[in-house]
Amino acid sequence: MIALSLAEIAEVVGGQTHDIPDPSVLVTGEVVRDSREAGPGSLFVAFVGERVDGHDFAAQVVEAGAVAVLASRPVGVPAIVVEDVQAALGALARHVVARLGATLVALTGSAGKTSTKDLVAQVLGNKAPTVFTPGSLNNEIGLPLTALTATEDTRFLVLEMGARGIGHIRYLTGLTPPRIGLVLNVGSAHIGEFGGREQIAQAKGELVESLPPAEEGGVAILNADDPYVRAMASRTKAKVILFGESGEADVSAENVRLTDSGQPFFRLHTPSGASDVTMRLYGEHHVSNALAAAAVAHELGMSADEIARALSEAGSLSRWRMEVTERPDGVTVVNDAYNANPESMKAALRALAAMGKGRRTWAVLGRMAELGDEALAEHDAVGRLAVRLNVSKLVAVGGREAAWLQLGAYNEGSWGEESVHVSDAQAAVDLLRSELRPGDVVLVKASRSVGLESVAQALLETGAEGEVAAR
């Protein structure tokens, strides 16, 4: 964070100083909410959780070097006391972002947010110092904490914004007002919470509504191939840039194909030129993510060649998202178990089919959460797609939703041993350990709550006779 005095912070957040002998002392370290991350010069934010109260760690963080605690009550050590710690954290982020003068890029969408954010950050990082959301810390706490890691040298701040309902993105853009807003898609993720795609589109579109007008530098970057996203152009006064396969797209791809290893190749077209891209990521769905990143980078002054080079060098920065590892025995494990929705599940299956040409393929799949009334149809559709893609074996893991996955495969024609339903992750591991052969490709994917990353980890431990070679 840029250095601020405790007195200035107290004024910004509307708090009272307690047990602070010298309010001119500067916060020169990070703003943290985990007491284990506190260090010299840091500011510790004390949240009250369901199991843990951050205030109980106040003395510990000060001993570790924190200069003060942002708290909702006096804690016996230097503290700035406020009525609402979360609101105070947001106010501090808003103040710091305004001081920075960095270009703030915000993005949202039903699927692909984190992968695209990682691509945008890596491409822009080739141009100037860039700070971006780690992992999926895209909510009302993670977003301001990310913004507060920016320093005077930061030129670009790339922030992922998630939503669980109407008004959430509006709140986040109030904390960190973006100049460039990117909307990827409107899909089925969280449809059970929102009630329908129209409501999801309403929530995601709050991002473009927050942008400054075109004459003040506002830019809305929209997916031309998604009708819900394309329609958001009418909800903003910002300049509109389109990406995708549509003939209307300003940034597009041609000659798209997958390499033998399942990595996308395409020719990138921008308003100022074209250049070839061969990605290190896996799956054709990353082409759309790459086009979104390219549209941001082009708007910020990068040439087609510079963008293509950066996209070709970019890797996955976040765990358990198409994380491909090859065991010494030749079994390839694709750990995509961080989360799942119908769109990302289908994209992962297509990537598995591309990677597994000439090899046996396994899809170890579990429940997709928060689909509401669409759950049965969506799980059935995924099971059917696995059969259509000739996946060698579907392993459906879990309860009712897993049974629906297998039912879809059965109804599509998987009547023999091509699909199986197992009760839990350990049963899946036992099955795979007994039946995997060298050269097989295994995809592991489900919603985060299922915890199927344990299957991928167990498979890698099983095959670790020597050093596991990560691709």
Protein backbone atom coordinates (compact mmCIF):
# COMPACT_ATOMS: atom_id res chain seq x y z
CA MET A 1 0.00 0.00 0.00
CA ILE A 2 1.07 3.59 -0.46
CA ALA A 3 2.32 4.92 2.86
CA LEU A 4 -0.41 6.60 4.95
CA SER A 5 -0.30 7.85 8.51
CA LEU A 6 -2.62 6.40 11.12
CA ALA A 7 -4.16 9.85 11.52
CA GLU A 8 -4.97 10.03 7.80
CA ILE A 9 -6.41 6.53 7.81
CA ALA A 10 -8.60 7.35 10.82
CA GLU A 11 -9.93 10.41 9.01
CA VAL A 12 -10.59 8.48 5.78
CA VAL A 13 -12.51 5.68 7.51
CA GLY A 14 -14.27 7.89 10.04
CA GLY A 15 -12.68 6.13 13.00
CA GLN A 16 -11.29 7.02 16.42
CA THR A 17 -7.71 6.32 17.43
CA HIS A 18 -7.15 4.28 20.60
CA ASP A 19 -3.85 3.60 22.37
CA ILE A 20 -1.89 5.27 19.55
CA PRO A 21 0.85 7.44 21.07
CA ASP A 22 1.92 8.90 17.72
CA PRO A 23 -0.79 9.20 15.02
CA SER A 24 1.85 10.31 12.50
CA VAL A 25 3.25 6.77 12.35
CA LEU A 26 3.01 5.43 8.81
CA VAL A 27 1.50 2.18 7.58
CA THR A 28 4.23 1.06 5.19
CA GLY A 29 3.41 -2.63 4.95
CA GLU A 30 0.41 -4.62 3.75
CA VAL A 31 -3.19 -4.38 4.90
CA VAL A 32 -4.06 -7.92 6.04
CA ARG A 33 -6.99 -9.80 7.52
CA ASP A 34 -5.05 -12.98 8.38
CA SER A 35 -3.03 -12.53 11.56
CA ARG A 36 -0.37 -14.88 10.19
CA GLU A 37 0.38 -12.40 7.40
CA ALA A 38 0.99 -9.45 9.73
CA GLY A 39 4.50 -8.03 9.58
CA PRO A 40 6.51 -4.84 10.08
CA GLY A 41 4.52 -1.77 9.12
CA SER A 42 1.28 -3.61 8.39
CA LEU A 43 -2.32 -2.77 9.28
CA PHE A 44 -4.41 -5.68 10.57
CA VAL A 45 -8.14 -5.66 9.81
CA ALA A 46 -10.07 -7.45 12.57
CA PHE A 47 -13.16 -9.18 11.22
CA VAL A 48 -15.56 -11.13 13.41
CA GLY A 49 -16.19 -14.48 11.72
CA GLU A 50 -18.41 -17.43 12.50
CA ARG A 51 -15.62 -19.28 14.29
CA VAL A 52 -12.83 -16.75 14.82
CA ASP A 53 -12.81 -13.15 16.07
CA GLY A 54 -9.90 -11.19 14.63
CA HIS A 55 -9.88 -8.91 17.65
CA ASP A 56 -8.52 -11.80 19.71
CA PHE A 57 -5.28 -11.66 17.70
CA ALA A 58 -4.65 -7.93 18.16
CA ALA A 59 -1.74 -8.27 20.57
CA GLN A 60 -0.18 -11.00 18.44
CA VAL A 61 -0.16 -8.93 15.24
CA VAL A 62 1.29 -5.87 16.96
CA GLU A 63 4.04 -8.05 18.38
CA ALA A 64 4.70 -9.24 14.81
CA GLY A 65 5.20 -5.64 13.69
CA ALA A 66 1.75 -4.35 12.73
CA VAL A 67 1.48 -0.64 13.56
CA ALA A 68 -2.24 -0.80 14.37
CA VAL A 69 -5.49 -2.74 14.16
CA LEU A 70 -8.61 -1.63 12.28
CA ALA A 71 -11.24 -2.79 14.73
CA SER A 72 -14.83 -2.42 15.86
CA ARG A 73 -13.85 -2.09 19.54
CA PRO A 74 -10.77 -1.12 21.58
CA VAL A 75 -8.31 -4.01 21.81
CA GLY A 76 -5.65 -2.78 24.25
CA VAL A 77 -3.07 -2.10 21.51
CA PRO A 78 -2.87 0.70 18.88
CA ALA A 79 -6.17 0.66 17.00
CA ILE A 80 -8.47 2.68 14.78
CA VAL A 81 -11.98 1.88 15.97
CA VAL A 82 -14.91 2.10 13.56
CA GLU A 83 -18.56 1.08 13.58
CA ASP A 84 -18.26 -1.17 10.52
CA VAL A 85 -14.89 -2.74 9.69
CA GLN A 86 -15.93 -3.87 6.21
CA ALA A 87 -17.20 -0.41 5.27
CA ALA A 88 -14.01 1.14 6.66
CA LEU A 89 -11.87 -1.23 4.60
CA GLY A 90 -13.81 -0.23 1.49
CA ALA A 91 -13.44 3.48 2.24
CA LEU A 92 -9.68 3.04 2.65
CA ALA A 93 -9.44 1.22 -0.70
CA ARG A 94 -11.45 3.93 -2.43
CA HIS A 95 -9.13 6.60 -1.00
CA VAL A 96 -5.97 4.77 -2.06
CA VAL A 97 -7.24 4.05 -5.58
CA ALA A 98 -8.10 7.73 -6.04
CA ARG A 99 -4.59 8.69 -4.92
CA LEU A 100 -2.85 6.21 -7.23
CA GLY A 101 -3.91 7.40 -10.65
CA ALA A 102 -3.50 3.88 -12.04
CA THR A 103 -5.80 2.59 -14.80
CA LEU A 104 -8.35 0.34 -13.17
CA VAL A 105 -9.65 -2.59 -15.24
CA ALA A 106 -12.60 -4.53 -13.80
CA LEU A 107 -14.08 -7.73 -15.21
CA THR A 108 -16.99 -10.00 -14.51
CA GLY A 109 -18.90 -12.87 -16.08
CA SER A 110 -20.53 -16.19 -15.27
CA ALA A 111 -17.56 -18.29 -16.37
CA GLY A 112 -13.88 -17.72 -17.06
CA LYS A 113 -13.41 -14.67 -14.83
CA THR A 114 -10.31 -15.87 -13.05
CA SER A 115 -8.59 -17.33 -16.12
CA THR A 116 -9.26 -14.14 -18.10
CA LYS A 117 -8.14 -11.94 -15.23
CA ASP A 118 -4.88 -13.87 -15.10
CA LEU A 119 -4.42 -13.39 -18.86
CA VAL A 120 -5.17 -9.65 -18.71
CA ALA A 121 -2.72 -9.23 -15.84
CA GLN A 122 0.07 -11.13 -17.58
CA VAL A 123 -0.38 -9.28 -20.87
CA LEU A 124 -0.49 -5.84 -19.23
CA GLY A 125 2.42 -6.82 -16.99
CA ASN A 126 4.56 -6.86 -20.12
CA LYS A 127 3.82 -3.16 -20.54
CA ALA A 128 3.96 -1.74 -17.01
CA PRO A 129 3.72 -2.72 -13.30
CA THR A 130 0.38 -4.44 -12.75
CA VAL A 131 -1.49 -5.49 -9.61
CA PHE A 132 -4.31 -8.02 -9.91
CA THR A 133 -6.75 -10.10 -7.90
CA PRO A 134 -5.07 -13.24 -6.50
CA GLY A 135 -7.12 -16.36 -7.17
CA SER A 136 -10.83 -15.60 -6.88
CA LEU A 137 -10.78 -13.01 -4.09
CA ASN A 138 -13.45 -11.03 -5.89
CA ASN A 139 -15.90 -10.04 -3.15
CA GLU A 140 -16.45 -7.08 -0.81
CA ILE A 141 -13.42 -8.07 1.30
CA GLY A 142 -11.00 -9.59 -1.21
CA LEU A 143 -11.41 -6.78 -3.73
CA PRO A 144 -10.43 -3.86 -1.44
CA LEU A 145 -7.58 -5.90 0.05
CA THR A 146 -6.25 -6.44 -3.48
CA ALA A 147 -6.58 -2.75 -4.34
CA LEU A 148 -4.63 -1.87 -1.22
CA THR A 149 -1.61 -3.87 -2.41
CA ALA A 150 -1.03 -1.31 -5.17
CA THR A 151 1.91 1.08 -4.80
CA GLU A 152 3.02 4.36 -6.38
CA ASP A 153 4.62 2.37 -9.22
CA THR A 154 1.41 0.53 -10.15
CA ARG A 155 0.17 1.49 -13.62
CA PHE A 156 -2.60 -1.08 -14.04
CA LEU A 157 -4.97 -2.49 -11.43
CA VAL A 158 -6.91 -5.54 -12.69
CA LEU A 159 -9.80 -6.53 -10.46
CA GLU A 160 -12.17 -9.49 -10.78
CA MET A 161 -15.71 -8.77 -9.55
CA GLY A 162 -18.11 -11.47 -8.48
CA ALA A 163 -21.81 -11.19 -7.68
CA ARG A 164 -24.27 -13.21 -5.65
CA GLY A 165 -27.18 -10.89 -6.39
CA ILE A 166 -28.38 -7.60 -7.80
CA GLY A 167 -26.41 -4.64 -6.44
CA HIS A 168 -23.22 -6.50 -5.53
CA ILE A 169 -21.18 -5.31 -8.50
CA ARG A 170 -22.57 -1.80 -8.09
CA TYR A 171 -21.19 -1.87 -4.55
CA LEU A 172 -17.78 -3.12 -5.67
CA THR A 173 -17.46 -0.52 -8.42
CA GLY A 174 -18.23 2.10 -5.79
CA LEU A 175 -15.17 0.96 -3.85
CA THR A 176 -12.85 0.78 -6.85
CA PRO A 177 -14.32 2.76 -9.77
CA PRO A 178 -13.05 1.24 -13.05
CA ARG A 179 -12.19 3.09 -16.25
CA ILE A 180 -12.32 -0.09 -18.33
CA GLY A 181 -15.03 -2.69 -17.73
CA LEU A 182 -15.00 -6.16 -19.29
CA VAL A 183 -18.03 -8.49 -19.33
CA LEU A 184 -17.33 -12.03 -20.51
CA ASN A 185 -20.64 -13.88 -20.57
CA VAL A 186 -23.98 -14.51 -18.94
CA GLY A 187 -24.34 -18.21 -18.21
CA SER A 188 -25.93 -20.64 -15.77
CA ALA A 189 -23.57 -20.18 -12.83
CA HIS A 190 -25.58 -19.20 -9.72
CA ILE A 191 -28.82 -19.27 -11.72
CA GLY A 192 -30.49 -20.83 -8.69
CA GLU A 193 -29.59 -17.78 -6.60
CA PHE A 194 -30.46 -15.18 -9.24
CA GLY A 195 -33.61 -16.78 -10.62
CA GLY A 196 -32.76 -16.58 -14.33
CA ARG A 197 -30.33 -15.33 -16.95
CA GLU A 198 -32.12 -11.99 -17.21
CA GLN A 199 -31.39 -11.34 -13.55
CA ILE A 200 -27.76 -12.45 -14.00
CA ALA A 201 -27.43 -10.05 -16.93
CA GLN A 202 -28.91 -7.26 -14.84
CA ALA A 203 -26.32 -7.86 -12.13
CA LYS A 204 -23.32 -8.22 -14.47
CA GLY A 205 -24.34 -5.12 -16.41
CA GLU A 206 -23.91 -2.98 -13.33
CA LEU A 207 -20.22 -2.98 -14.26
CA VAL A 208 -20.73 -1.10 -17.54
CA GLU A 209 -23.22 1.24 -15.90
CA SER A 210 -20.47 2.33 -13.51
CA LEU A 211 -18.02 3.38 -16.24
CA PRO A 212 -17.27 7.03 -17.03
CA PRO A 213 -18.51 8.33 -20.39
CA ALA A 214 -16.37 7.89 -23.50
CA GLU A 215 -15.17 11.50 -23.45
CA GLU A 216 -13.72 10.85 -19.97
CA GLY A 217 -11.95 7.66 -21.04
CA GLY A 218 -14.56 5.04 -20.13
CA VAL A 219 -14.38 1.81 -22.15
CA ALA A 220 -16.81 -1.14 -22.06
CA ILE A 221 -15.41 -4.34 -23.56
CA LEU A 222 -18.21 -6.75 -24.38
CA ASN A 223 -18.55 -10.27 -25.76
CA ALA A 224 -20.16 -9.89 -29.17
CA ASP A 225 -21.13 -13.59 -29.20
CA ASP A 226 -23.28 -13.43 -26.07
CA PRO A 227 -26.61 -11.67 -26.75
CA TYR A 228 -27.08 -10.77 -23.09
CA VAL A 229 -23.65 -9.15 -22.95
CA ARG A 230 -23.95 -7.54 -26.38
CA ALA A 231 -27.16 -5.84 -25.23
CA MET A 232 -25.27 -4.14 -22.38
CA ALA A 233 -23.94 -1.60 -24.89
CA SER A 234 -27.20 0.31 -24.40
CA ARG A 235 -26.56 0.55 -20.65
CA THR A 236 -23.34 2.55 -20.80
CA LYS A 237 -22.08 5.91 -22.05
CA ALA A 238 -18.57 4.50 -22.32
CA LYS A 239 -16.88 3.64 -25.59
CA VAL A 240 -17.87 0.07 -26.60
CA ILE A 241 -15.33 -2.46 -27.89
CA LEU A 242 -16.56 -5.89 -29.01
CA PHE A 243 -14.60 -9.15 -29.02
CA GLY A 244 -15.51 -12.60 -30.30
CA GLU A 245 -16.31 -14.52 -33.47
CA SER A 246 -19.11 -12.21 -34.61
CA GLY A 247 -18.52 -10.15 -37.73
CA GLU A 248 -19.16 -7.08 -35.58
CA ALA A 249 -16.23 -7.86 -33.28
CA ASP A 250 -13.37 -5.35 -33.15
CA VAL A 251 -11.02 -8.03 -31.78
CA SER A 252 -11.42 -11.53 -33.24
CA ALA A 253 -9.71 -14.81 -34.07
CA GLU A 254 -9.43 -16.85 -37.24
CA ASN A 255 -7.91 -20.21 -38.11
CA VAL A 256 -8.67 -21.47 -34.61
CA ARG A 257 -7.45 -25.00 -33.95
CA LEU A 258 -6.06 -27.08 -31.13
CA THR A 259 -2.55 -28.50 -31.14
CA ASP A 260 -2.07 -32.23 -30.54
CA SER A 261 -1.68 -31.43 -26.84
CA GLY A 262 -4.99 -29.54 -26.73
CA GLN A 263 -3.58 -26.00 -26.69
CA PRO A 264 -5.24 -23.30 -28.83
CA PHE A 265 -3.64 -21.75 -31.89
CA PHE A 266 -5.29 -18.84 -33.69
CA ARG A 267 -4.58 -15.68 -35.64
CA LEU A 268 -5.44 -12.63 -33.56
CA HIS A 269 -7.04 -9.69 -35.35
CA THR A 270 -7.12 -6.22 -33.78
CA PRO A 271 -8.01 -2.82 -35.28
CA SER A 272 -4.29 -2.13 -35.74
CA GLY A 273 -3.01 -5.46 -37.04
CA ALA A 274 -2.92 -9.24 -36.79
CA SER A 275 -0.54 -11.81 -35.29
CA ASP A 276 -0.43 -15.55 -34.50
CA VAL A 277 -0.98 -16.91 -30.98
CA THR A 278 -0.17 -20.38 -29.61
CA MET A 279 -1.37 -20.58 -26.02
CA ARG A 280 0.12 -22.55 -23.16
CA LEU A 281 -3.35 -23.05 -21.65
CA TYR A 282 -5.55 -26.02 -22.54
CA GLY A 283 -8.92 -25.94 -24.28
CA GLU A 284 -10.54 -23.97 -27.06
CA HIS A 285 -12.62 -21.99 -24.56
CA HIS A 286 -9.49 -20.00 -23.71
CA VAL A 287 -9.62 -18.37 -27.15
CA SER A 288 -12.53 -16.20 -26.04
CA ASN A 289 -10.69 -15.37 -22.82
CA ALA A 290 -7.62 -14.44 -24.83
CA LEU A 291 -9.64 -12.18 -27.14
CA ALA A 292 -11.06 -10.39 -24.10
CA ALA A 293 -7.56 -9.84 -22.74
CA ALA A 294 -6.37 -8.70 -26.16
CA ALA A 295 -9.17 -6.13 -26.38
CA VAL A 296 -8.12 -4.64 -23.04
CA ALA A 297 -4.44 -4.57 -24.02
CA HIS A 298 -5.11 -3.02 -27.42
CA GLU A 299 -7.19 -0.29 -25.84
CA LEU A 300 -4.25 0.44 -23.53
CA GLY A 301 -1.83 0.88 -26.41
CA MET A 302 -0.27 -2.52 -27.06
CA SER A 303 0.30 -3.69 -30.64
CA ALA A 304 -1.02 -6.95 -32.08
CA ASP A 305 2.48 -8.44 -32.04
CA GLU A 306 3.06 -7.43 -28.41
CA ILE A 307 -0.30 -8.86 -27.37
CA ALA A 308 0.21 -12.11 -29.29
CA ARG A 309 3.65 -12.60 -27.77
CA ALA A 310 2.32 -12.02 -24.25
CA LEU A 311 -0.65 -14.34 -24.76
CA SER A 312 1.64 -17.06 -26.08
CA GLU A 313 3.81 -16.79 -22.97
CA ALA A 314 0.98 -16.55 -20.42
CA GLY A 315 0.29 -19.48 -18.13
CA SER A 316 -2.22 -20.37 -15.44
CA LEU A 317 -1.68 -18.36 -12.26
CA SER A 318 -4.52 -19.84 -10.19
CA ARG A 319 -4.63 -23.35 -8.77
CA TRP A 320 -6.93 -26.16 -9.89
CA ARG A 321 -8.00 -24.51 -13.15
CA MET A 322 -7.10 -26.82 -16.03
CA GLU A 323 -3.90 -27.59 -14.14
CA VAL A 324 -2.23 -30.24 -16.31
CA THR A 325 0.37 -32.55 -14.79
CA GLU A 326 1.95 -35.65 -16.32
CA ARG A 327 2.95 -38.50 -14.04
CA PRO A 328 6.21 -40.38 -14.63
CA ASP A 329 4.17 -43.32 -15.94
CA GLY A 330 2.58 -41.16 -18.65
CA VAL A 331 -0.83 -40.66 -17.03
CA THR A 332 -1.95 -37.04 -17.48
CA VAL A 333 -4.05 -35.50 -14.70
CA VAL A 334 -6.11 -32.39 -15.49
CA ASN A 335 -7.12 -30.78 -12.20
CA ASP A 336 -9.97 -28.36 -12.95
CA ALA A 337 -11.66 -28.90 -9.61
CA TYR A 338 -11.76 -25.33 -8.32
CA ASN A 339 -15.34 -24.81 -9.46
CA ALA A 340 -17.88 -25.85 -12.09
CA ASN A 341 -20.92 -24.61 -13.95
CA PRO A 342 -22.56 -25.95 -17.11
CA GLU A 343 -20.48 -23.78 -19.45
CA SER A 344 -17.12 -24.51 -17.84
CA MET A 345 -17.94 -28.22 -17.46
CA LYS A 346 -18.69 -28.56 -21.18
CA ALA A 347 -15.58 -26.58 -22.11
CA ALA A 348 -13.43 -28.84 -19.93
CA LEU A 349 -14.90 -31.97 -21.52
CA ARG A 350 -14.12 -30.64 -25.00
CA ALA A 351 -10.57 -29.88 -23.87
CA LEU A 352 -10.27 -33.43 -22.51
CA ALA A 353 -11.42 -34.86 -25.85
CA ALA A 354 -8.84 -32.75 -27.71
CA MET A 355 -6.01 -33.70 -25.35
CA GLY A 356 -6.90 -37.38 -25.42
CA LYS A 357 -6.82 -38.12 -29.13
CA GLY A 358 -5.51 -41.64 -29.46
CA ARG A 359 -5.54 -42.14 -25.68
CA ARG A 360 -8.06 -43.33 -23.09
CA THR A 361 -9.89 -40.44 -21.45
CA TRP A 362 -11.54 -40.29 -18.03
CA ALA A 363 -13.98 -37.63 -16.84
CA VAL A 364 -14.26 -37.63 -13.05
CA LEU A 365 -17.16 -35.25 -12.47
CA GLY A 366 -19.23 -34.13 -9.51
CA ARG A 367 -22.07 -31.81 -8.62
CA MET A 368 -22.53 -28.35 -10.13
CA ALA A 369 -23.99 -26.20 -7.36
CA GLU A 370 -26.53 -23.36 -7.33
CA LEU A 371 -28.42 -24.35 -10.48
CA GLY A 372 -31.89 -24.34 -8.90
CA ASP A 373 -34.62 -25.78 -11.09
CA GLU A 374 -32.12 -26.21 -13.94
CA ALA A 375 -30.00 -28.74 -12.02
CA LEU A 376 -31.47 -31.95 -13.42
CA ALA A 377 -31.40 -30.78 -17.05
CA GLU A 378 -27.89 -29.37 -16.82
CA HIS A 379 -26.36 -32.44 -15.18
CA ASP A 380 -28.13 -34.65 -17.71
CA ALA A 381 -26.72 -32.53 -20.56
CA VAL A 382 -23.17 -32.84 -19.27
CA GLY A 383 -23.49 -36.63 -19.03
CA ARG A 384 -24.79 -36.76 -22.60
CA LEU A 385 -21.95 -34.57 -23.87
CA ALA A 386 -19.35 -36.90 -22.35
CA VAL A 387 -20.76 -39.70 -24.49
CA ARG A 388 -20.95 -37.56 -27.64
CA LEU A 389 -17.30 -36.62 -27.21
CA ASN A 390 -16.37 -40.30 -26.88
CA VAL A 391 -14.92 -39.93 -23.40
CA SER A 392 -13.72 -43.42 -22.56
CA LYS A 393 -15.18 -43.47 -19.06
CA LEU A 394 -17.34 -41.11 -17.01
CA VAL A 395 -16.94 -41.42 -13.25
CA ALA A 396 -19.81 -39.55 -11.57
CA VAL A 397 -18.94 -38.80 -7.94
CA GLY A 398 -21.44 -38.04 -5.19
CA GLY A 399 -25.17 -38.16 -4.59
CA ARG A 400 -28.24 -37.15 -6.55
CA GLU A 401 -26.56 -34.80 -9.04
CA ALA A 402 -23.89 -37.39 -9.83
CA ALA A 403 -26.65 -39.90 -10.51
CA TRP A 404 -28.12 -37.40 -12.97
CA LEU A 405 -24.76 -37.14 -14.72
CA GLN A 406 -24.65 -40.91 -15.18
CA LEU A 407 -28.30 -40.99 -16.23
CA GLY A 408 -27.56 -38.49 -18.99
CA ALA A 409 -24.70 -40.68 -20.22
CA TYR A 410 -26.91 -43.78 -20.06
CA ASN A 411 -29.70 -42.12 -22.01
CA GLU A 412 -27.21 -41.01 -24.66
CA GLY A 413 -26.11 -44.58 -25.20
CA SER A 414 -23.53 -45.38 -22.50
CA TRP A 415 -24.97 -48.75 -21.48
CA GLY A 416 -21.83 -50.75 -20.78
CA GLU A 417 -18.83 -49.88 -18.67
CA GLU A 418 -18.40 -46.41 -20.17
CA SER A 419 -19.90 -44.74 -17.07
CA VAL A 420 -20.04 -45.47 -13.38
CA HIS A 421 -21.52 -43.78 -10.31
CA VAL A 422 -19.45 -43.84 -7.11
CA SER A 423 -20.37 -42.50 -3.70
CA ASP A 424 -17.43 -40.25 -2.86
CA ALA A 425 -13.94 -39.06 -3.73
CA GLN A 426 -12.20 -41.99 -2.07
CA ALA A 427 -14.26 -44.46 -4.08
CA ALA A 428 -13.24 -42.61 -7.24
CA VAL A 429 -9.58 -42.77 -6.24
CA ASP A 430 -9.81 -46.51 -5.54
CA LEU A 431 -11.41 -47.11 -8.94
CA LEU A 432 -8.86 -45.05 -10.83
CA ARG A 433 -5.89 -46.58 -9.04
CA SER A 434 -7.04 -50.03 -10.08
CA GLU A 435 -7.88 -49.23 -13.71
CA LEU A 436 -5.62 -46.40 -14.97
CA ARG A 437 -3.04 -47.32 -17.58
CA PRO A 438 0.03 -45.40 -18.79
CA GLY A 439 -0.98 -42.75 -21.31
CA ASP A 440 -4.49 -42.21 -19.94
CA VAL A 441 -5.83 -38.64 -19.51
CA VAL A 442 -7.96 -37.88 -16.44
CA LEU A 443 -10.10 -34.75 -16.01
CA VAL A 444 -11.29 -33.94 -12.48
CA LYS A 445 -14.00 -31.27 -12.16
CA ALA A 446 -16.89 -30.28 -9.87
CA SER A 447 -18.10 -27.35 -7.82
CA ARG A 448 -15.70 -26.26 -5.09
CA SER A 449 -17.90 -27.63 -2.31
CA VAL A 450 -17.42 -31.20 -3.60
CA GLY A 451 -13.67 -31.10 -2.96
CA LEU A 452 -12.65 -33.27 -5.92
CA GLU A 453 -9.17 -31.73 -5.96
CA SER A 454 -8.39 -34.48 -3.46
CA VAL A 455 -8.86 -37.01 -6.28
CA ALA A 456 -6.32 -35.26 -8.49
CA GLN A 457 -3.87 -34.93 -5.61
CA ALA A 458 -4.22 -38.62 -4.72
CA LEU A 459 -3.60 -39.64 -8.33
CA LEU A 460 -0.43 -37.56 -8.49
CA GLU A 461 0.81 -39.03 -5.23
CA THR A 462 0.07 -42.51 -6.56
CA GLY A 463 2.15 -41.93 -9.66
CA ALA A 464 5.00 -40.08 -7.98
CA GLU A 465 7.66 -42.78 -8.30
CA GLY A 466 9.97 -39.99 -9.35
CA GLU A 467 9.63 -36.29 -9.86
CA VAL A 468 6.24 -35.41 -11.37
CA ALA A 469 6.69 -33.42 -14.57
CA ALA A 470 4.24 -30.46 -14.67
CA ARG A 471 3.43 -29.19 -18.13
